[in-house]
N, C-alpha and C. Protein backbone atom coordinates (compact mmCIF):
# COMPACT_ATOMS: atom_id res chain seq x y z
N MET A 1 90.82 101.68 124.91
CA MET A 1 92.54 101.54 124.62
C MET A 1 92.57 100.95 123.24
N SER A 2 93.71 102.48 123.55
CA SER A 2 94.02 101.83 121.33
C SER A 2 95.14 100.53 121.67
N LYS A 3 94.70 99.72 120.36
CA LYS A 3 95.58 98.62 119.58
C LYS A 3 96.87 98.82 118.96
N ALA A 4 98.16 98.50 119.78
CA ALA A 4 99.27 99.51 119.23
C ALA A 4 99.63 98.72 117.74
N ARG A 5 100.74 99.87 117.23
CA ARG A 5 100.93 99.44 116.05
C ARG A 5 101.47 98.56 115.74
N ASN A 6 101.53 97.62 114.40
CA ASN A 6 102.63 97.04 114.24
C ASN A 6 104.32 97.41 113.32
N GLN A 7 104.76 97.77 113.64
CA GLN A 7 106.33 98.35 112.77
C GLN A 7 107.31 97.14 112.55
N PHE A 8 106.67 97.52 110.75
CA PHE A 8 106.92 96.53 109.75
C PHE A 8 108.47 97.52 109.51
N THR A 9 109.43 96.26 109.31
CA THR A 9 110.40 96.80 108.46
C THR A 9 111.10 97.15 106.66
N THR A 10 111.45 97.65 106.48
CA THR A 10 111.21 98.36 105.11
C THR A 10 111.91 96.37 104.44
N GLU A 11 112.29 95.58 104.77
CA GLU A 11 112.54 94.28 104.41
C GLU A 11 110.91 93.51 103.81
N PHE A 12 110.69 93.77 105.98
CA PHE A 12 109.39 92.66 105.42
C PHE A 12 108.78 93.38 104.31
N LYS A 13 108.45 94.90 104.28
CA LYS A 13 107.77 94.80 103.11
C LYS A 13 107.76 94.22 101.51
N GLN A 14 109.20 94.46 101.55
CA GLN A 14 109.38 94.38 100.62
C GLN A 14 109.33 92.39 100.09
N GLU A 15 109.17 92.13 101.15
CA GLU A 15 108.92 90.96 100.81
C GLU A 15 107.45 90.14 101.05
N CYS A 16 106.41 91.46 101.44
CA CYS A 16 104.30 91.25 100.69
C CYS A 16 104.77 91.66 99.26
N VAL A 17 105.59 93.37 98.63
CA VAL A 17 105.48 93.08 97.71
C VAL A 17 105.41 92.53 96.26
N ASN A 18 107.11 92.26 96.88
CA ASN A 18 107.27 90.40 95.86
C ASN A 18 106.09 89.27 95.73
N LEU A 19 105.94 88.60 96.63
CA LEU A 19 104.46 88.50 96.46
C LEU A 19 103.94 88.89 95.72
N VAL A 20 103.48 89.60 95.38
CA VAL A 20 102.53 90.35 94.87
C VAL A 20 102.61 90.61 93.33
N VAL A 21 104.39 91.37 92.96
CA VAL A 21 104.56 91.80 92.32
C VAL A 21 105.28 90.77 91.53
N ASN A 22 105.57 89.93 92.29
CA ASN A 22 106.81 88.91 90.99
C ASN A 22 106.13 87.12 91.16
N GLN A 23 105.64 86.80 92.69
CA GLN A 23 105.27 85.77 92.12
C GLN A 23 104.18 85.66 91.98
N GLY A 24 102.45 86.67 92.36
CA GLY A 24 101.90 86.30 90.83
C GLY A 24 100.79 86.29 92.14
N TYR A 25 100.39 86.92 93.87
CA TYR A 25 99.94 86.52 94.80
C TYR A 25 98.66 87.76 94.22
N GLY A 26 98.15 87.61 94.62
CA GLY A 26 96.28 87.81 94.45
C GLY A 26 96.96 89.08 96.30
N ILE A 27 95.94 90.62 96.48
CA ILE A 27 96.83 91.33 97.38
C ILE A 27 96.39 91.07 98.60
N ALA A 28 94.81 90.58 98.80
CA ALA A 28 94.86 89.33 99.79
C ALA A 28 95.05 88.20 100.37
N GLN A 29 95.16 87.85 98.67
CA GLN A 29 95.95 86.41 99.20
C GLN A 29 97.84 86.06 100.18
N ALA A 30 98.50 87.98 99.75
CA ALA A 30 99.78 88.10 99.55
C ALA A 30 99.23 88.00 100.87
N ALA A 31 98.58 89.46 101.57
CA ALA A 31 98.09 89.76 102.96
C ALA A 31 97.99 88.55 104.74
N SER A 32 97.02 87.99 104.05
CA SER A 32 96.62 86.05 104.03
C SER A 32 97.49 85.46 104.30
N ALA A 33 98.51 85.54 103.58
CA ALA A 33 99.99 84.84 104.21
C ALA A 33 100.65 85.17 104.62
N MET A 34 100.97 86.03 104.66
CA MET A 34 102.12 87.08 105.35
C MET A 34 100.79 87.30 106.00
N GLN A 35 100.11 87.59 107.31
CA GLN A 35 99.53 87.87 108.45
C GLN A 35 99.48 89.85 108.11
N VAL A 36 99.58 90.06 107.67
CA VAL A 36 99.55 91.79 107.29
C VAL A 36 97.56 91.66 107.29
N GLY A 37 97.82 93.24 107.18
CA GLY A 37 96.45 94.43 106.87
C GLY A 37 96.14 94.00 105.14
N LEU A 38 94.84 93.83 104.90
CA LEU A 38 94.43 94.46 103.87
C LEU A 38 95.14 95.12 102.97
N SER A 39 94.57 96.37 103.71
CA SER A 39 94.86 97.42 103.54
C SER A 39 96.80 98.39 103.44
N SER A 40 96.38 97.60 104.54
CA SER A 40 98.93 97.67 104.15
C SER A 40 99.24 97.02 103.29
N MET A 41 98.77 96.48 103.27
CA MET A 41 99.44 95.53 101.65
C MET A 41 98.81 95.93 100.58
N GLN A 42 98.16 96.90 100.04
CA GLN A 42 97.49 97.51 98.89
C GLN A 42 98.24 98.36 99.38
N ARG A 43 98.70 99.68 100.33
CA ARG A 43 99.81 100.09 100.74
C ARG A 43 100.59 99.92 99.64
N TRP A 44 101.62 99.39 100.84
CA TRP A 44 103.01 98.89 100.48
C TRP A 44 102.93 97.95 98.61
N VAL A 45 101.70 97.70 98.41
CA VAL A 45 101.22 97.60 96.68
C VAL A 45 101.44 99.24 95.82
N TRP A 46 100.97 99.92 96.01
CA TRP A 46 101.04 100.54 96.06
C TRP A 46 102.18 102.05 95.33
N GLN A 47 102.86 101.68 96.84
CA GLN A 47 103.96 102.74 97.15
C GLN A 47 105.15 101.83 96.57
N TYR A 48 105.03 101.08 95.93
CA TYR A 48 106.00 100.28 95.17
C TYR A 48 105.90 101.10 93.70
N LYS A 49 104.36 100.74 93.74
CA LYS A 49 103.47 101.86 91.79
C LYS A 49 104.76 102.21 91.45
N GLN A 50 104.07 103.16 92.72
CA GLN A 50 104.55 104.77 92.30
C GLN A 50 105.92 104.74 92.21
N GLU A 51 106.88 104.23 93.32
CA GLU A 51 108.42 104.45 93.31
C GLU A 51 109.34 103.66 91.48
N ILE A 52 107.80 102.85 91.30
CA ILE A 52 109.06 103.19 90.54
C ILE A 52 109.01 103.74 88.98
N LYS A 53 107.68 104.54 88.99
CA LYS A 53 107.04 105.53 87.99
C LYS A 53 107.82 106.22 88.90
N GLY A 54 108.73 106.37 89.57
CA GLY A 54 110.36 107.24 89.17
C GLY A 54 108.75 108.85 90.92
N VAL A 55 108.07 108.73 91.10
CA VAL A 55 107.16 109.08 92.52
C VAL A 55 108.29 108.39 94.14
N THR A 56 108.68 109.80 93.90
CA THR A 56 109.79 109.86 95.88
C THR A 56 107.83 109.22 97.43
N PRO A 57 108.55 108.78 97.24
CA PRO A 57 106.82 108.39 98.92
C PRO A 57 107.50 108.92 100.00
N LEU A 58 106.47 109.89 101.08
CA LEU A 58 106.14 110.66 101.38
C LEU A 58 107.29 109.04 102.78
N ALA A 59 107.04 108.02 103.11
CA ALA A 59 107.34 107.28 104.13
C ALA A 59 108.93 106.31 103.13
N ARG A 60 109.17 105.61 103.91
CA ARG A 60 110.96 104.56 103.97
C ARG A 60 110.18 104.00 102.74
N ALA A 61 111.24 104.71 101.80
CA ALA A 61 111.23 103.42 100.02
C ALA A 61 111.39 102.25 99.80
N PHE A 62 110.70 102.22 99.29
CA PHE A 62 110.94 100.29 99.25
C PHE A 62 112.76 100.20 97.51
N THR A 63 112.14 100.51 96.50
CA THR A 63 113.62 101.12 95.23
C THR A 63 114.85 101.13 95.68
N PRO A 64 115.84 100.43 95.85
CA PRO A 64 116.96 101.64 96.12
C PRO A 64 116.63 102.69 95.33
N GLU A 65 116.68 103.05 94.40
CA GLU A 65 116.60 104.55 93.53
C GLU A 65 116.07 105.58 94.56
N GLN A 66 115.06 105.09 94.75
CA GLN A 66 114.12 105.75 95.90
C GLN A 66 114.50 106.44 97.53
N GLN A 67 115.42 104.78 97.98
CA GLN A 67 115.94 104.95 99.24
C GLN A 67 117.27 106.38 98.75
N ARG A 68 117.88 105.94 97.84
CA ARG A 68 118.71 107.09 97.19
C ARG A 68 118.44 108.33 97.54
N ILE A 69 117.46 108.60 97.31
CA ILE A 69 116.97 110.06 96.66
C ILE A 69 116.36 110.27 98.18
N GLN A 70 115.53 109.22 98.79
CA GLN A 70 115.09 110.24 100.14
C GLN A 70 116.75 110.39 100.87
N ALA A 71 118.05 110.14 100.35
CA ALA A 71 118.98 110.40 101.65
C ALA A 71 119.46 111.47 101.08
N LEU A 72 119.23 111.56 99.59
CA LEU A 72 120.38 113.02 99.65
C LEU A 72 118.86 113.63 100.07
N GLU A 73 117.68 113.49 99.52
CA GLU A 73 117.13 114.59 99.86
C GLU A 73 117.79 114.44 101.27
N ALA A 74 117.39 114.23 102.67
CA ALA A 74 117.61 114.61 103.66
C ALA A 74 119.51 115.12 103.45
N GLU A 75 120.27 114.66 103.27
CA GLU A 75 121.35 115.68 102.83
C GLU A 75 121.79 116.81 103.12
N ASN A 76 120.70 117.53 101.60
CA ASN A 76 120.18 118.01 101.09
C ASN A 76 119.82 118.80 102.07
N ARG A 77 118.56 118.66 102.64
CA ARG A 77 118.00 120.03 104.15
C ARG A 77 118.80 120.00 104.98
N GLN A 78 119.46 119.20 105.14
CA GLN A 78 120.98 119.47 106.64
C GLN A 78 121.84 120.44 106.12
N LEU A 79 122.68 120.49 104.73
CA LEU A 79 123.63 121.32 104.51
C LEU A 79 122.42 122.45 104.05
N LYS A 80 121.13 123.13 103.83
CA LYS A 80 121.16 124.30 104.02
C LYS A 80 120.79 124.28 105.10
N ARG A 81 120.62 123.42 105.89
CA ARG A 81 120.80 124.41 107.60
C ARG A 81 122.00 124.55 107.91
N ASP A 82 122.99 123.67 107.35
CA ASP A 82 123.42 124.45 107.79
C ASP A 82 124.53 125.31 107.56
N ASN A 83 123.92 125.44 106.57
CA ASN A 83 124.70 126.92 105.41
C ASN A 83 123.86 128.42 106.35
N ASP A 84 122.69 128.13 106.56
CA ASP A 84 121.72 128.60 107.08
C ASP A 84 122.64 129.41 109.29
N LEU A 85 122.84 128.00 109.27
CA LEU A 85 124.10 128.90 110.50
C LEU A 85 125.11 129.40 110.37
N LEU A 86 126.45 128.84 109.08
CA LEU A 86 126.62 129.59 109.19
C LEU A 86 126.54 131.11 108.64
N LYS A 87 125.41 131.14 107.86
CA LYS A 87 124.72 133.14 107.35
C LYS A 87 125.09 133.88 108.56
N LYS A 88 123.86 133.34 109.43
CA LYS A 88 123.63 133.51 110.40
C LYS A 88 124.92 134.18 111.56
N ALA A 89 126.16 133.12 111.86
CA ALA A 89 127.31 133.45 112.38
C ALA A 89 128.40 134.17 111.57
N SER A 90 127.79 133.93 110.65
CA SER A 90 129.20 134.67 109.92
C SER A 90 128.56 136.77 109.68
N ALA A 91 127.51 136.69 109.89
CA ALA A 91 126.37 137.95 109.82
C ALA A 91 126.81 138.41 111.72
N PHE A 92 126.85 137.74 112.26
CA PHE A 92 126.88 138.29 113.69
C PHE A 92 128.15 138.59 113.62
N PHE A 93 129.22 137.60 114.10
CA PHE A 93 130.85 138.28 114.02
C PHE A 93 130.95 139.47 112.79
N ALA A 94 130.40 139.69 111.27
CA ALA A 94 130.50 141.23 111.12
C ALA A 94 130.25 142.43 111.61
N ILE A 95 129.01 141.67 112.61
CA ILE A 95 128.60 142.66 113.51
C ILE A 95 129.60 143.71 114.74
N GLU A 96 129.57 142.42 115.39
CA GLU A 96 130.45 142.48 116.23
C GLU A 96 132.27 142.92 115.76
N MET A 97 133.00 142.70 114.76
CA MET A 97 134.03 143.42 114.51
C MET A 97 133.98 145.39 113.87
N GLN A 98 132.84 144.63 113.17
CA GLN A 98 132.37 146.94 113.27
C GLN A 98 132.06 147.31 114.86
N ALA A 99 131.48 146.27 115.43
CA ALA A 99 131.09 147.24 116.48
C ALA A 99 132.41 148.00 117.20
N SER A 100 133.37 146.29 117.66
CA SER A 100 134.67 146.58 117.98
C SER A 100 136.03 146.99 117.63
N ASN A 101 135.90 147.59 115.77
CA ASN A 101 136.45 148.32 115.16
C ASN A 101 135.92 150.64 114.89
N LYS A 102 134.42 150.57 115.73
CA LYS A 102 134.58 151.76 115.88
C LYS A 102 134.76 151.60 117.69
N SER A 103 134.67 150.78 117.99
CA SER A 103 134.78 151.74 120.35
C SER A 103 136.51 151.71 119.86
N SER A 104 137.55 150.63 119.14
CA SER A 104 138.59 151.66 119.16
C SER A 104 139.59 152.24 118.46
N ARG A 105 138.15 152.86 117.07
CA ARG A 105 138.53 153.62 116.74
C ARG A 105 138.12 154.86 117.93
N SER A 106 137.29 155.54 118.88
CA SER A 106 136.61 156.48 119.93
C SER A 106 137.81 155.91 121.28
N ASN A 107 139.03 155.31 121.14
CA ASN A 107 139.59 155.27 122.17
C ASN A 107 140.96 156.51 122.51
């Protein structure tokens, strides 16, 4: 039987990182205080430090700047999908109009 994974909110992760980054706790001490695994705490602190350097994470971002970048990237992906769909629809209707014009000319 597998163990269920804990799901932590971004706010909780930010609190954990804050203990290490701003309040001077060691990673092991903060992990113990917040009752999370050491590897999780290490990963969150590492991710935060990467975000401060400007690296957009694959996981949900901690910093507001990186959260905004992730939101804009998601919006950009959606707009590209929408644009591709419109191009395909436009091409389809152009072909249909050409076929319609040819059939009306032959009548």
